[in-house]
Protein backbone atom coordinates (compact mmCIF):
# COMPACT_ATOMS: atom_id res chain seq x y z
CA MET A 1 -98.21 96.30 67.40
CA ILE A 2 -100.80 94.22 64.89
CA PRO A 3 -104.39 93.96 66.25
CA VAL A 4 -105.34 90.73 67.08
CA ALA A 5 -108.20 90.63 64.78
CA VAL A 6 -105.74 91.37 61.70
CA ILE A 7 -103.82 88.20 62.90
CA VAL A 8 -106.92 86.10 62.93
CA VAL A 9 -108.03 87.36 59.46
CA LEU A 10 -104.75 86.42 58.33
CA VAL A 11 -104.28 82.93 59.84
CA ALA A 12 -107.81 82.03 58.52
CA THR A 13 -107.15 83.41 54.98
CA VAL A 14 -104.07 80.86 55.02
CA LEU A 15 -106.11 78.16 56.31
CA VAL A 16 -109.15 78.67 54.07
CA VAL A 17 -107.61 79.78 50.65
CA PRO A 18 -106.17 76.41 49.70
CA PHE A 19 -109.54 74.88 50.04
CA ILE A 20 -111.43 77.42 48.17
CA LEU A 21 -109.25 78.36 45.05
CA PRO A 22 -109.45 74.91 43.52
CA SER A 23 -113.13 74.99 43.66
CA MET A 24 -113.32 78.17 42.18
CA LEU A 25 -111.07 77.49 39.58
CA VAL A 26 -112.97 74.24 38.55
CA ASP A 27 -116.24 76.66 38.25
CA CYS A 28 -114.53 79.21 36.38
CA VAL A 29 -113.01 77.10 33.75
CA GLY A 30 -116.54 75.35 33.25
CA TRP A 31 -118.25 78.95 33.12
CA MET A 32 -115.67 79.86 30.60
CA LEU A 33 -116.35 76.70 28.23
CA ARG A 34 -119.84 77.77 27.85
CA GLY A 35 -118.49 80.47 25.87
CA ARG A 36 -116.13 78.38 24.06
CA PRO A 37 -117.70 74.98 23.51
CA ASP A 38 -115.26 73.97 20.70
CA ASP A 39 -111.95 74.43 22.90
CA TYR A 40 -110.99 71.16 22.81
CA GLU A 41 -108.06 71.91 25.08
CA GLY A 42 -110.19 73.58 27.62
CA TRP A 43 -112.40 70.46 27.83
CA CYS A 44 -109.21 68.58 28.45
CA TYR A 45 -108.02 71.11 31.43
CA TYR A 46 -111.46 70.99 32.58
CA GLY A 47 -111.59 67.00 32.97
CA ARG A 48 -107.99 67.00 34.62
CA LEU A 49 -109.36 69.53 37.13
CA LEU A 50 -112.28 67.59 38.05
CA ALA A 51 -110.54 64.35 38.16
CA HIS A 52 -107.93 65.86 40.58
CA ARG A 53 -110.82 66.61 42.62
CA GLY A 54 -112.13 63.21 42.60
CA ARG A 55 -115.15 64.30 40.33
CA TYR A 56 -114.57 61.45 37.96
CA ALA A 57 -117.92 61.36 36.44
CA GLU A 58 -117.80 64.73 35.44
CA ALA A 59 -114.25 64.38 34.28
CA VAL A 60 -115.55 61.65 31.94
CA TYR A 61 -117.90 64.01 30.48
CA ALA A 62 -115.13 66.71 29.97
CA PHE A 63 -112.85 64.31 28.42
CA ASP A 64 -115.66 62.97 26.27
CA LYS A 65 -116.51 66.52 24.95
CA ALA A 66 -112.64 66.86 24.08
CA LEU A 67 -112.64 63.69 22.19
CA MET A 68 -115.73 64.67 20.10
CA LEU A 69 -113.61 67.72 19.03
CA LYS A 70 -110.30 65.98 18.36
CA PRO A 71 -110.64 61.98 18.61
CA ASP A 72 -107.05 61.57 18.13
CA TYR A 73 -106.07 63.58 21.45
CA ALA A 74 -103.88 60.56 23.10
CA GLU A 75 -103.54 62.87 26.57
CA VAL A 76 -107.24 62.93 26.65
CA TRP A 77 -107.94 59.12 25.90
CA GLU A 78 -105.02 58.57 29.01
CA LYS A 79 -106.86 60.85 31.06
CA LEU A 80 -110.13 59.39 30.38
CA GLY A 81 -108.90 55.82 30.87
CA ASP A 82 -107.62 57.04 34.65
CA SER A 83 -110.93 58.34 35.21
CA LEU A 84 -112.60 55.20 34.39
CA THR A 85 -110.50 53.34 36.42
CA ALA A 86 -110.84 55.22 39.51
CA MET A 87 -114.74 54.47 38.80
CA GLY A 88 -113.99 50.71 38.65
CA LYS A 89 -115.11 50.85 34.75
CA LEU A 90 -112.00 48.64 33.85
CA GLU A 91 -113.10 47.52 30.49
CA ASP A 92 -113.89 51.14 29.11
CA ALA A 93 -110.41 52.20 30.91
CA ALA A 94 -108.34 49.40 29.07
CA GLN A 95 -110.07 50.71 25.69
CA ALA A 96 -109.36 54.15 26.60
CA TYR A 97 -105.84 53.17 27.20
CA GLU A 98 -105.71 51.40 23.93
CA ASN A 99 -107.05 54.19 22.06
CA ALA A 100 -104.34 56.54 23.55
CA ARG A 101 -101.56 54.06 22.29
CA ASN A 102 -103.22 53.53 18.79
CA GLY A 103 -104.43 57.24 18.52
CA GLU A 104 -107.80 55.50 17.36
CA ASP A 105 -111.03 57.41 17.01
CA ASP A 106 -113.62 55.31 19.22
CA SER A 107 -115.87 57.38 21.46
CA SER A 108 -117.70 54.25 22.54
CA ALA A 109 -115.08 53.76 25.30
CA ALA A 110 -116.94 55.83 27.72
């Protein structure tokens, strides 16, 4: 027979882990980017993680870092537009979406 304490720990783990792991992942990726500040794909991924967690201002910063490294990265322009839209910055978002379509280098969108 399995002790009640073991069952309690297992149930608590199942309930808590889904909430802790995403936050830990964001922190780990942010920490890793300190050692790889020129990793534009890493900055894009970090921005997507932050945006998914509702941390839009931080996501915009991460997307801006990616765009400084690779200005024609259309996916980042689109994700930047999504985050700016969520923040209510619709004019800046429209410019980011336009840049995504055109592949333009216009870092003033944020």
